C-alpha atoms as a PDB file:
ATOM      1  CA  MET A   1     103.755 114.462 119.815  1.00  0.00           C
ATOM      2  CA  GLU A   2     103.614 110.822 118.643  1.00  0.00           C
ATOM      3  CA  THR A   3     106.917 109.012 118.433  1.00  0.00           C
ATOM      4  CA  ARG A   4     105.813 105.395 118.065  1.00  0.00           C
ATOM      5  CA  MET A   5     107.822 103.721 115.305  1.00  0.00           C
ATOM      6  CA  PRO A   6     106.062 101.404 112.882  1.00  0.00           C
ATOM      7  CA  GLY A   7     106.863  97.727 112.537  1.00  0.00           C
ATOM      8  CA  PRO A   8     106.962  95.467 109.451  1.00  0.00           C
ATOM      9  CA  THR A   9     104.448  96.212 106.698  1.00  0.00           C
ATOM     10  CA  LEU A  10     102.155  93.998 104.664  1.00  0.00           C
ATOM     11  CA  PRO A  11     103.307  94.994 101.144  1.00  0.00           C
ATOM     12  CA  GLU A  12     106.806  93.581 101.728  1.00  0.00           C
ATOM     13  CA  ARG A  13     105.488  90.055 101.259  1.00  0.00           C
ATOM     14  CA  TYR A  14     104.580  90.691  97.632  1.00  0.00           C
ATOM     15  CA  SER A  15     106.783  89.820  94.649  1.00  0.00           C
ATOM     16  CA  PRO A  16     108.025  92.456  92.260  1.00  0.00           C
ATOM     17  CA  ALA A  17     105.468  91.289  89.732  1.00  0.00           C
ATOM     18  CA  GLN A  18     102.659  91.746  92.266  1.00  0.00           C
ATOM     19  CA  CYS A  19     103.938  95.205  93.158  1.00  0.00           C
ATOM     20  CA  GLU A  20     104.087  96.182  89.477  1.00  0.00           C
ATOM     21  CA  ALA A  21     100.486  95.071  89.104  1.00  0.00           C
ATOM     22  CA  ASN A  22      99.416  97.027  92.204  1.00  0.00           C
ATOM     23  CA  TYR A  23     101.170 100.298  91.283  1.00  0.00           C
ATOM     24  CA  ASN A  24     101.584 100.483  87.487  1.00  0.00           C
ATOM     25  CA  LEU A  25      98.340 102.389  86.995  1.00  0.00           C
ATOM     26  CA  ARG A  26      98.908 103.359  83.361  1.00  0.00           C
ATOM     27  CA  ALA A  27      98.917  99.635  82.512  1.00  0.00           C
ATOM     28  CA  ARG A  28      95.769  99.079  84.531  1.00  0.00           C
ATOM     29  CA  HIS A  29      93.938 102.143  83.101  1.00  0.00           C
ATOM     30  CA  PRO A  30      94.855 102.496  79.385  1.00  0.00           C
ATOM     31  CA  ASN A  31      92.592 105.582  79.180  1.00  0.00           C
ATOM     32  CA  ALA A  32      94.540 107.450  81.878  1.00  0.00           C
ATOM     33  CA  LEU A  33      95.943 110.024  79.391  1.00  0.00           C
ATOM     34  CA  GLU A  34      92.439 110.672  78.056  1.00  0.00           C
ATOM     35  CA  LEU A  35      91.146 111.194  81.609  1.00  0.00           C
ATOM     36  CA  MET A  36      93.950 113.555  82.389  1.00  0.00           C
ATOM     37  CA  ALA A  37      93.328 115.524  79.200  1.00  0.00           C
ATOM     38  CA  GLY A  38      89.839 116.011  80.570  1.00  0.00           C
ATOM     39  CA  TRP A  39      91.302 117.291  83.819  1.00  0.00           C
ATOM     40  CA  GLN A  40      93.256 119.881  81.865  1.00  0.00           C
ATOM     41  CA  ARG A  41      90.172 121.116  80.007  1.00  0.00           C
ATOM     42  CA  HIS A  42      88.176 121.451  83.224  1.00  0.00           C
ATOM     43  CA  ALA A  43      91.202 123.057  84.985  1.00  0.00           C
ATOM     44  CA  ALA A  44      91.580 125.671  82.218  1.00  0.00           C
ATOM     45  CA  SER A  45      87.908 126.528  82.562  1.00  0.00           C
ATOM     46  CA  ALA A  46      88.298 126.945  86.328  1.00  0.00           C
ATOM     47  CA  ARG A  47      91.254 129.358  85.868  1.00  0.00           C
ATOM     48  CA  ALA A  48      89.252 131.313  83.266  1.00  0.00           C
ATOM     49  CA  THR A  49      86.232 131.774  85.525  1.00  0.00           C
ATOM     50  CA  LEU A  50      87.668 132.080  89.037  1.00  0.00           C
ATOM     51  CA  GLU A  51      89.489 135.079  90.520  1.00  0.00           C
ATOM     52  CA  HIS A  52      92.944 133.858  91.390  1.00  0.00           C
ATOM     53  CA  TYR A  53      96.559 134.788  91.909  1.00  0.00           C
ATOM     54  CA  ALA A  54      98.651 132.849  89.396  1.00  0.00           C
ATOM     55  CA  ASP A  55     102.244 131.701  89.701  1.00  0.00           C
ATOM     56  CA  GLU A  56     103.040 133.287  93.015  1.00  0.00           C
ATOM     57  CA  ARG A  57     106.655 132.464  93.911  1.00  0.00           C
ATOM     58  CA  PHE A  58     107.166 130.738  97.293  1.00  0.00           C
ATOM     59  CA  GLY A  59     110.833 129.836  96.906  1.00  0.00           C
ATOM     60  CA  GLU A  60     113.985 130.374  94.889  1.00  0.00           C
ATOM     61  CA  SER A  61     113.530 127.418  92.521  1.00  0.00           C
ATOM     62  CA  ALA A  62     111.758 127.936  89.180  1.00  0.00           C
ATOM     63  CA  HIS A  63     109.437 125.098  90.279  1.00  0.00           C
ATOM     64  CA  GLU A  64     108.292 126.791  93.476  1.00  0.00           C
ATOM     65  CA  LEU A  65     105.143 128.437  92.191  1.00  0.00           C
ATOM     66  CA  ILE A  66     101.648 128.403  93.606  1.00  0.00           C
ATOM     67  CA  ASP A  67      98.196 129.471  92.443  1.00  0.00           C
ATOM     68  CA  VAL A  68      95.766 130.855  95.011  1.00  0.00           C
ATOM     69  CA  PHE A  69      91.981 130.915  94.570  1.00  0.00           C
ATOM     70  CA  PRO A  70      90.558 133.059  97.432  1.00  0.00           C
ATOM     71  CA  ALA A  71      87.143 132.491  99.001  1.00  0.00           C
ATOM     72  CA  ALA A  72      84.626 135.284  98.946  1.00  0.00           C
ATOM     73  CA  ARG A  73      84.785 135.878 102.713  1.00  0.00           C
ATOM     74  CA  ARG A  74      87.809 136.818 104.780  1.00  0.00           C
ATOM     75  CA  ASP A  75      89.108 134.590 107.551  1.00  0.00           C
ATOM     76  CA  ALA A  76      88.349 131.560 105.440  1.00  0.00           C
ATOM     77  CA  PRO A  77      89.851 128.124 105.973  1.00  0.00           C
ATOM     78  CA  ALA A  78      92.248 127.048 103.266  1.00  0.00           C
ATOM     79  CA  VAL A  79      93.366 123.887 101.453  1.00  0.00           C
ATOM     80  CA  MET A  80      96.759 123.573  99.798  1.00  0.00           C
ATOM     81  CA  PHE A  81      96.261 120.897  97.128  1.00  0.00           C
ATOM     82  CA  ILE A  82      99.288 118.890  95.902  1.00  0.00           C
ATOM     83  CA  HIS A  83      98.987 117.199  92.513  1.00  0.00           C
ATOM     84  CA  GLY A  84      99.962 113.567  91.836  1.00  0.00           C
ATOM     85  CA  GLY A  85     101.965 111.966  89.057  1.00  0.00           C
ATOM     86  CA  TYR A  86     104.224 109.544  90.915  1.00  0.00           C
ATOM     87  CA  TRP A  87     106.567 112.446  91.737  1.00  0.00           C
ATOM     88  CA  GLN A  88     107.683 112.509  88.110  1.00  0.00           C
ATOM     89  CA  ALA A  89     104.783 114.084  86.177  1.00  0.00           C
ATOM     90  CA  GLY A  90     101.944 116.542  86.527  1.00  0.00           C
ATOM     91  CA  ASP A  91     101.523 120.233  87.182  1.00  0.00           C
ATOM     92  CA  LYS A  92      99.377 122.481  89.351  1.00  0.00           C
ATOM     93  CA  HIS A  93      97.525 123.623  86.177  1.00  0.00           C
ATOM     94  CA  ASP A  94      96.283 120.078  85.664  1.00  0.00           C
ATOM     95  CA  VAL A  95      94.152 120.129  88.830  1.00  0.00           C
ATOM     96  CA  SER A  96      92.731 123.694  89.033  1.00  0.00           C
ATOM     97  CA  PHE A  97      89.327 122.058  88.680  1.00  0.00           C
ATOM     98  CA  VAL A  98      89.412 121.049  92.350  1.00  0.00           C
ATOM     99  CA  ALA A  99      88.962 124.758  93.258  1.00  0.00           C
ATOM    100  CA  PRO A 100      85.492 125.963  92.138  1.00  0.00           C
ATOM    101  CA  LEU A 101      83.230 123.980  94.437  1.00  0.00           C
ATOM    102  CA  LEU A 102      85.582 124.338  97.366  1.00  0.00           C
ATOM    103  CA  VAL A 103      85.713 128.108  96.819  1.00  0.00           C
ATOM    104  CA  ARG A 104      81.939 128.205  96.505  1.00  0.00           C
ATOM    105  CA  SER A 105      81.827 126.452  99.926  1.00  0.00           C
ATOM    106  CA  GLY A 106      83.875 129.233 101.531  1.00  0.00           C
ATOM    107  CA  ILE A 107      87.307 127.543 101.324  1.00  0.00           C
ATOM    108  CA  CYS A 108      90.377 129.217  99.819  1.00  0.00           C
ATOM    109  CA  VAL A 109      92.309 126.838  97.565  1.00  0.00           C
ATOM    110  CA  ALA A 110      96.027 127.037  96.858  1.00  0.00           C
ATOM    111  CA  ILE A 111      97.650 124.644  94.399  1.00  0.00           C
ATOM    112  CA  ASN A 112     101.455 124.271  94.434  1.00  0.00           C
ATOM    113  CA  ASN A 113     104.096 122.943  92.138  1.00  0.00           C
ATOM    114  CA  TYR A 114     107.261 121.081  93.114  1.00  0.00           C
ATOM    115  CA  ALA A 115     110.287 119.848  91.190  1.00  0.00           C
ATOM    116  CA  LEU A 116     109.918 116.443  89.609  1.00  0.00           C
ATOM    117  CA  ALA A 117     112.073 113.315  89.265  1.00  0.00           C
ATOM    118  CA  PRO A 118     114.472 112.410  87.873  1.00  0.00           C
ATOM    119  CA  GLY A 119     115.754 115.971  88.110  1.00  0.00           C
ATOM    120  CA  ALA A 120     114.842 116.262  91.804  1.00  0.00           C
ATOM    121  CA  SER A 121     114.876 113.916  94.778  1.00  0.00           C
ATOM    122  CA  LEU A 122     111.931 113.178  96.998  1.00  0.00           C
ATOM    123  CA  ASP A 123     113.757 114.975  99.801  1.00  0.00           C
ATOM    124  CA  THR A 124     113.689 118.109  97.651  1.00  0.00           C
ATOM    125  CA  MET A 125     109.977 117.686  96.962  1.00  0.00           C
ATOM    126  CA  VAL A 126     109.192 117.306 100.660  1.00  0.00           C
ATOM    127  CA  ALA A 127     111.225 120.454 101.397  1.00  0.00           C
ATOM    128  CA  GLN A 128     109.510 122.466  98.651  1.00  0.00           C
ATOM    129  CA  THR A 129     106.059 121.370  99.832  1.00  0.00           C
ATOM    130  CA  LEU A 130     106.976 122.558 103.324  1.00  0.00           C
ATOM    131  CA  ASN A 131     108.221 125.812 101.889  1.00  0.00           C
ATOM    132  CA  ALA A 132     104.848 126.291 100.151  1.00  0.00           C
ATOM    133  CA  LEU A 133     102.968 125.674 103.425  1.00  0.00           C
ATOM    134  CA  HIS A 134     105.074 128.146 105.336  1.00  0.00           C
ATOM    135  CA  TRP A 135     104.716 130.721 102.581  1.00  0.00           C
ATOM    136  CA  LEU A 136     100.889 130.311 102.587  1.00  0.00           C
ATOM    137  CA  HIS A 137     100.852 130.632 106.358  1.00  0.00           C
ATOM    138  CA  ARG A 138     102.943 133.824 106.271  1.00  0.00           C
ATOM    139  CA  HIS A 139     100.827 135.374 103.542  1.00  0.00           C
ATOM    140  CA  ALA A 140      97.458 134.193 104.877  1.00  0.00           C
ATOM    141  CA  GLY A 141      96.159 137.737 105.532  1.00  0.00           C
ATOM    142  CA  ARG A 142      96.838 138.786 101.958  1.00  0.00           C
ATOM    143  CA  PHE A 143      94.482 136.090 100.673  1.00  0.00           C
ATOM    144  CA  GLY A 144      91.834 136.326 103.407  1.00  0.00           C
ATOM    145  CA  ILE A 145      92.870 133.039 105.024  1.00  0.00           C
ATOM    146  CA  ASP A 146      92.544 132.147 108.640  1.00  0.00           C
ATOM    147  CA  ALA A 147      96.160 131.104 109.283  1.00  0.00           C
ATOM    148  CA  ASN A 148      95.008 128.648 111.966  1.00  0.00           C
ATOM    149  CA  ARG A 149      92.845 126.701 109.542  1.00  0.00           C
ATOM    150  CA  ILE A 150      95.113 125.575 106.759  1.00  0.00           C
ATOM    151  CA  TYR A 151      94.786 122.004 105.581  1.00  0.00           C
ATOM    152  CA  VAL A 152      97.147 120.193 103.217  1.00  0.00           C
ATOM    153  CA  MET A 153      95.501 117.830 100.721  1.00  0.00           C
ATOM    154  CA  GLY A 154      96.990 115.715  97.939  1.00  0.00           C
ATOM    155  CA  HIS A 155      96.228 113.063  95.402  1.00  0.00           C
ATOM    156  CA  SER A 156      98.433 109.970  94.900  1.00  0.00           C
ATOM    157  CA  ALA A 157     102.035 111.188  95.190  1.00  0.00           C
ATOM    158  CA  GLY A 158     100.531 114.429  96.504  1.00  0.00           C
ATOM    159  CA  GLY A 159      98.863 112.377  99.223  1.00  0.00           C
ATOM    160  CA  HIS A 160     102.299 111.100 100.218  1.00  0.00           C
ATOM    161  CA  LEU A 161     103.674 114.669 100.359  1.00  0.00           C
ATOM    162  CA  ALA A 162     100.654 115.771 102.417  1.00  0.00           C
ATOM    163  CA  ALA A 163     101.256 112.965 104.912  1.00  0.00           C
ATOM    164  CA  MET A 164     104.947 113.832 105.058  1.00  0.00           C
ATOM    165  CA  MET A 165     104.030 117.259 106.363  1.00  0.00           C
ATOM    166  CA  LEU A 166     102.985 115.525 109.615  1.00  0.00           C
ATOM    167  CA  THR A 167     106.285 113.678 110.070  1.00  0.00           C
ATOM    168  CA  THR A 168     109.712 114.637 111.330  1.00  0.00           C
ATOM    169  CA  HIS A 169     110.642 115.336 107.721  1.00  0.00           C
ATOM    170  CA  GLY A 170     107.798 117.823 107.480  1.00  0.00           C
ATOM    171  CA  ALA A 171     109.310 120.074 110.103  1.00  0.00           C
ATOM    172  CA  ALA A 172     111.572 123.063 109.942  1.00  0.00           C
ATOM    173  CA  ASN A 173     113.908 123.991 112.779  1.00  0.00           C
ATOM    174  CA  GLY A 174     112.035 121.498 114.954  1.00  0.00           C
ATOM    175  CA  MET A 175     108.686 123.146 114.300  1.00  0.00           C
ATOM    176  CA  ALA A 176     105.752 121.219 112.856  1.00  0.00           C
ATOM    177  CA  ALA A 177     104.258 122.302 109.548  1.00  0.00           C
ATOM    178  CA  PRO A 178     101.620 124.971 110.071  1.00  0.00           C
ATOM    179  CA  VAL A 179      98.660 122.784 109.218  1.00  0.00           C
ATOM    180  CA  ARG A 180      95.436 121.935 111.011  1.00  0.00           C
ATOM    181  CA  GLY A 181      95.181 118.601 109.275  1.00  0.00           C
ATOM    182  CA  ALA A 182      95.918 116.580 106.156  1.00  0.00           C
ATOM    183  CA  ILE A 183      93.689 114.920 103.602  1.00  0.00           C
ATOM    184  CA  ALA A 184      95.089 112.208 101.312  1.00  0.00           C
ATOM    185  CA  LEU A 185      93.221 110.856  98.263  1.00  0.00           C
ATOM    186  CA  SER A 186      94.607 107.615  96.950  1.00  0.00           C
ATOM    187  CA  GLY A 187      97.824 108.346  98.907  1.00  0.00           C
ATOM    188  CA  LEU A 188     101.083 106.392  99.143  1.00  0.00           C
ATOM    189  CA  PHE A 189     102.366 105.967 102.673  1.00  0.00           C
ATOM    190  CA  ASP A 190     104.910 103.107 102.302  1.00  0.00           C
ATOM    191  CA  LEU A 191     107.269 103.421  99.341  1.00  0.00           C
ATOM    192  CA  VAL A 192     109.072 100.089  99.747  1.00  0.00           C
ATOM    193  CA  PRO A 193     106.672  98.267  97.392  1.00  0.00           C
ATOM    194  CA  LEU A 194     107.730 100.676  94.589  1.00  0.00           C
ATOM    195  CA  VAL A 195     111.440  99.898  94.704  1.00  0.00           C
ATOM    196  CA  ASP A 196     111.305  96.948  92.277  1.00  0.00           C
ATOM    197  CA  THR A 197     108.696  98.472  89.919  1.00  0.00           C
ATOM    198  CA  SER A 198     109.027 100.448  86.708  1.00  0.00           C
ATOM    199  CA  ILE A 199     107.830 103.485  88.631  1.00  0.00           C
ATOM    200  CA  ASN A 200     111.185 103.613  90.386  1.00  0.00           C
ATOM    201  CA  ARG A 201     113.259 104.113  87.219  1.00  0.00           C
ATOM    202  CA  ALA A 202     112.917 107.883  87.587  1.00  0.00           C
ATOM    203  CA  LEU A 203     112.848 107.955  91.347  1.00  0.00           C
ATOM    204  CA  GLY A 204     116.021 105.968  92.102  1.00  0.00           C
ATOM    205  CA  LEU A 205     114.784 104.669  95.450  1.00  0.00           C
ATOM    206  CA  ASN A 206     116.517 101.895  97.328  1.00  0.00           C
ATOM    207  CA  GLU A 207     115.036 100.093 100.310  1.00  0.00           C
ATOM    208  CA  ALA A 208     116.804 102.366 102.821  1.00  0.00           C
ATOM    209  CA  ASN A 209     115.659 105.688 101.446  1.00  0.00           C
ATOM    210  CA  ALA A 210     112.223 104.311 100.579  1.00  0.00           C
ATOM    211  CA  LYS A 211     111.757 103.494 104.238  1.00  0.00           C
ATOM    212  CA  ARG A 212     113.175 106.887 105.334  1.00  0.00           C
ATOM    213  CA  LEU A 213     110.644 108.629 103.110  1.00  0.00           C
ATOM    214  CA  SER A 214     107.613 106.519 103.993  1.00  0.00           C
ATOM    215  CA  PRO A 215     105.174 108.251 106.359  1.00  0.00           C
ATOM    216  CA  ALA A 216     104.016 104.893 107.762  1.00  0.00           C
ATOM    217  CA  ARG A 217     107.601 104.022 108.765  1.00  0.00           C
ATOM    218  CA  ILE A 218     108.777 107.228 110.384  1.00  0.00           C
ATOM    219  CA  ALA A 219     107.809 109.191 113.514  1.00  0.00           C
ATOM    220  CA  ARG A 220     105.132 111.830 113.435  1.00  0.00           C
ATOM    221  CA  HIS A 221     106.016 115.356 114.414  1.00  0.00           C
ATOM    222  CA  SER A 222     102.430 116.724 114.480  1.00  0.00           C
ATOM    223  CA  ASP A 223      99.294 115.646 116.246  1.00  0.00           C
ATOM    224  CA  ALA A 224      97.161 117.062 113.410  1.00  0.00           C
ATOM    225  CA  PRO A 225      94.742 114.438 112.059  1.00  0.00           C
ATOM    226  CA  ILE A 226      94.918 112.935 108.612  1.00  0.00           C
ATOM    227  CA  HIS A 227      91.812 111.904 106.661  1.00  0.00           C
ATOM    228  CA  MET A 228      92.122 109.302 103.910  1.00  0.00           C
ATOM    229  CA  LEU A 229      89.966 108.506 100.887  1.00  0.00           C
ATOM    230  CA  VAL A 230      90.329 105.908  98.153  1.00  0.00           C
ATOM    231  CA  GLY A 231      88.183 104.788  95.227  1.00  0.00           C
ATOM    232  CA  GLU A 232      86.433 101.455  95.565  1.00  0.00           C
ATOM    233  CA  GLY A 233      88.063 100.377  92.284  1.00  0.00           C
ATOM    234  CA  GLU A 234      91.668 101.065  93.424  1.00  0.00           C
ATOM    235  CA  THR A 235      94.204  98.236  93.312  1.00  0.00           C
ATOM    236  CA  ARG A 236      94.705  96.085  96.378  1.00  0.00           C
ATOM    237  CA  GLY A 237      97.965  97.894  96.962  1.00  0.00           C
ATOM    238  CA  PHE A 238      96.272 101.316  97.398  1.00  0.00           C
ATOM    239  CA  HIS A 239      93.618  99.885  99.729  1.00  0.00           C
ATOM    240  CA  GLU A 240      96.405  98.366 101.807  1.00  0.00           C
ATOM    241  CA  GLN A 241      98.317 101.614 101.869  1.00  0.00           C
ATOM    242  CA  ARG A 242      95.332 103.146 103.647  1.00  0.00           C
ATOM    243  CA  THR A 243      94.977 100.257 106.046  1.00  0.00           C
ATOM    244  CA  LEU A 244      98.687 100.363 106.788  1.00  0.00           C
ATOM    245  CA  LEU A 245      98.779 103.984 107.825  1.00  0.00           C
ATOM    246  CA  SER A 246      95.776 103.461 110.048  1.00  0.00           C
ATOM    247  CA  SER A 247      97.646 100.644 111.814  1.00  0.00           C
ATOM    248  CA  GLN A 248     100.822 102.654 112.354  1.00  0.00           C
ATOM    249  CA  TRP A 249      99.581 106.159 113.232  1.00  0.00           C
ATOM    250  CA  GLN A 250      97.093 107.597 115.615  1.00  0.00           C
ATOM    251  CA  GLY A 251      94.725 110.344 114.508  1.00  0.00           C
ATOM    252  CA  VAL A 252      93.954 108.623 111.191  1.00  0.00           C
ATOM    253  CA  HIS A 253      90.403 108.813 109.854  1.00  0.00           C
ATOM    254  CA  ALA A 254      89.406 106.743 106.872  1.00  0.00           C
ATOM    255  CA  LEU A 255      86.335 107.762 104.867  1.00  0.00           C
ATOM    256  CA  PRO A 256      84.432 104.994 103.120  1.00  0.00           C
ATOM    257  CA  PRO A 257      85.774 104.169  99.645  1.00  0.00           C
ATOM    258  CA  VAL A 258      84.046 106.041  96.817  1.00  0.00           C
ATOM    259  CA  PRO A 259      81.856 103.536  94.890  1.00  0.00           C
ATOM    260  CA  ARG A 260      82.662 102.897  91.198  1.00  0.00           C
ATOM    261  CA  ARG A 261      85.722 105.167  91.269  1.00  0.00           C
ATOM    262  CA  HIS A 262      89.345 104.291  90.670  1.00  0.00           C
ATOM    263  CA  HIS A 263      92.678 106.059  91.063  1.00  0.00           C
ATOM    264  CA  TYR A 264      92.088 108.598  88.330  1.00  0.00           C
ATOM    265  CA  ASP A 265      88.361 109.369  88.323  1.00  0.00           C
ATOM    266  CA  ILE A 266      88.182 109.738  92.116  1.00  0.00           C
ATOM    267  CA  LEU A 267      88.982 113.394  91.536  1.00  0.00           C
ATOM    268  CA  GLU A 268      85.595 113.789  89.789  1.00  0.00           C
ATOM    269  CA  ILE A 269      84.063 114.296  93.255  1.00  0.00           C
ATOM    270  CA  PHE A 270      85.419 117.846  93.120  1.00  0.00           C
ATOM    271  CA  ARG A 271      83.197 118.547  90.079  1.00  0.00           C
ATOM    272  CA  GLU A 272      79.947 117.129  91.534  1.00  0.00           C
ATOM    273  CA  PRO A 273      77.801 119.544  93.630  1.00  0.00           C
ATOM    274  CA  GLY A 274      76.236 117.676  96.517  1.00  0.00           C
ATOM    275  CA  ASN A 275      78.661 114.737  96.281  1.00  0.00           C
ATOM    276  CA  ALA A 276      78.716 113.176  99.741  1.00  0.00           C
ATOM    277  CA  TRP A 277      82.471 112.668  99.841  1.00  0.00           C
ATOM    278  CA  LEU A 278      83.130 116.227  98.734  1.00  0.00           C
ATOM    279  CA  ASP A 279      80.645 117.478 101.335  1.00  0.00           C
ATOM    280  CA  SER A 280      82.559 115.482 103.967  1.00  0.00           C
ATOM    281  CA  ILE A 281      85.851 117.072 102.919  1.00  0.00           C
ATOM    282  CA  VAL A 282      84.249 120.501 103.052  1.00  0.00           C
ATOM    283  CA  GLY A 283      82.889 119.750 106.513  1.00  0.00           C
ATOM    284  CA  ILE A 284      86.299 118.649 107.757  1.00  0.00           C
ATOM    285  CA  VAL A 285      88.053 121.775 106.460  1.00  0.00           C
ATOM    286  CA  ARG A 286      85.373 124.127 107.719  1.00  0.00           C
ATOM    287  CA  ALA A 287      85.349 122.313 111.063  1.00  0.00           C
ATOM    288  CA  ALA A 288      81.617 121.798 110.600  1.00  0.00           C
ATOM    289  CA  THR A 289      81.913 118.096 111.219  1.00  0.00           C
ATOM    290  CA  THR A 290      83.907 115.882 113.598  1.00  0.00           C
ATOM    291  CA  PRO A 291      86.190 113.122 112.375  1.00  0.00           C
ATOM    292  CA  GLY A 292      84.199 110.072 111.359  1.00  0.00           C
ATOM    293  CA  SER A 293      80.852 111.849 111.209  1.00  0.00           C
ATOM    294  CA  PHE A 294      80.569 110.927 107.541  1.00  0.00           C
ATOM    295  CA  LEU A 295      80.118 107.261 108.504  1.00  0.00           C
END
């Protein structure tokens, strides 16, 4: 188990205005709502055409629901996908479109919800994500999942929650989360740059709890690898988030940035048969490739 504690991080040198420019993505992408409306249309189509178990309850909270899209074969690897939305927006139903090509590739897909800010703290979201993973592990046989091949994958804030599953916060009773690895798309691994931005109005982070909830600043509790992917058109802040985690953790594998893609349309790779980045993710989950073989 890795216990090396990270040192100072690059984003701290930026002014609040620079941090706002790096992380206020709605301002950078005025068509974000239009793009997300497209997600919802594609997601509804996926739910209409794929066999799945909807709104399975994995905890006591009304937010702790998960959809499961089984693969055709039993003993399949699985991905639990965590939606983004800066921990204050989004729903599992928005991203069902990630499932069809993964299921076609022999991978079971589960997509979980979690409570959102300002009604819930990030600590609650981490705990609920861990609950979902343990529930999926316990019920693996019901959905034809190989319990030893469960990956956690998330986009944006979901990438942060995926990475947290490998830290001391992503552990229950001293036991690491039951995952073979994590995959983060446009993930956030240091939350300190968000403290003085408009994004923090709903989150209520201060520097101390931002550090406590930043994967790059806390000890790992799992040796499972994490694979990272960003769009070429992401802000400097998101590119540096990826670089930062690589400098602080071992077992980090960065795929090349996706050309001509930014924070929102990077998810289009899940709708493109034969996309090289999607094929790499499939290979990682199915253990058909070794880390870095995409390069």
